[in-house]
Amino acid sequence: MIERLLRLDNEPLSPINAGEVIRRTPNFQIVTDYKHCPENTRNGERFFIEPTSPGGLSMLLYAASAHNIYNFNHRLVFGARSGVKDIIPCLRADYIKQNVWVLLRDDVQIPQPGEDTVPSPGRMEACIAKGARQYTFNDELPANFGITNPHTRHLRMLQMTYKDEIPDRIVHSPNPDSYYKVRKNWWYGVELTIDIGIERGEFTNPKLVEEMQRFLAKYFNTEFGNPNTLTTAEDIQVANELISRTWEIYGNKLS
């Protein structure tokens, strides 16, 4: 498959083999598969970046934020967190020629303001090899290059990498399927990001800040933080709507 993709000079790319691993690096694998819908059609063909180690998972989230891309599917991957199969967020990329160069030849494409690009496995591996828990587009650029409105990006990442569904069990971090918004840790991350974003002057829109403060008053307290207080679908909807409004106001200002 990889040879066929690299030989192609024109679109469209050849049809995928669903679930085929077309590249492996120490902390990632690139898989061709169908997104959830439409399945088994050319319109549903995608590349997926699957992290295969804890360090790979962390770096993928850093890199996705830097590249301003938040297209995630939860997929079953071996070794991503605990050395067994975990259901984790994996980055989805369009099945197009531009992404062949990124994913198979490690072409690093820095996004223009308000746009997105796909991180390359090779660049993420280079950042992991340096031992830093940060992502940079190249070694000559600072870690924060091109990342304005970091709290907006982090809220968007939290929204897109965790699931809205209410599981039929209590979910803890070691669970192989733990990316759910019902978890108190998710709420703490959202609340802390909002609080710091207001304090540091990233969130200044008066109506939005007022809504954020009402949100913090409702959810950032000992009553909601009590483990015996169950998160409801309505709670998750409130959080999603607030994050979406934040993204509408500040997401197009990313550069």
Foldseek 3Di string as FASTA:
>chain_A
DLVQLVPDDDDDGDDFDAQDFPDDDPFWTKGWHFDPPPHPDPVRIWIKIDTQECLSQLLQLQVCLQQVHQAWDFDFHARHYDRGTAGFTIHIGHNHSVVSCCAVVVDQDGDDQLHGDHHYPVQSVVVVVVVDSAHDSDPVDDRCPQFPPVLLSQLSNLLRTADLDDDPDDADDVDRYRRHCFDLVSVVSNLVSLVVCVVVVVDDDVVLNVLNVVLCVVQVDPVNSPPVNTDDSVNSVSSNVSSVVSCVVCVSRGD
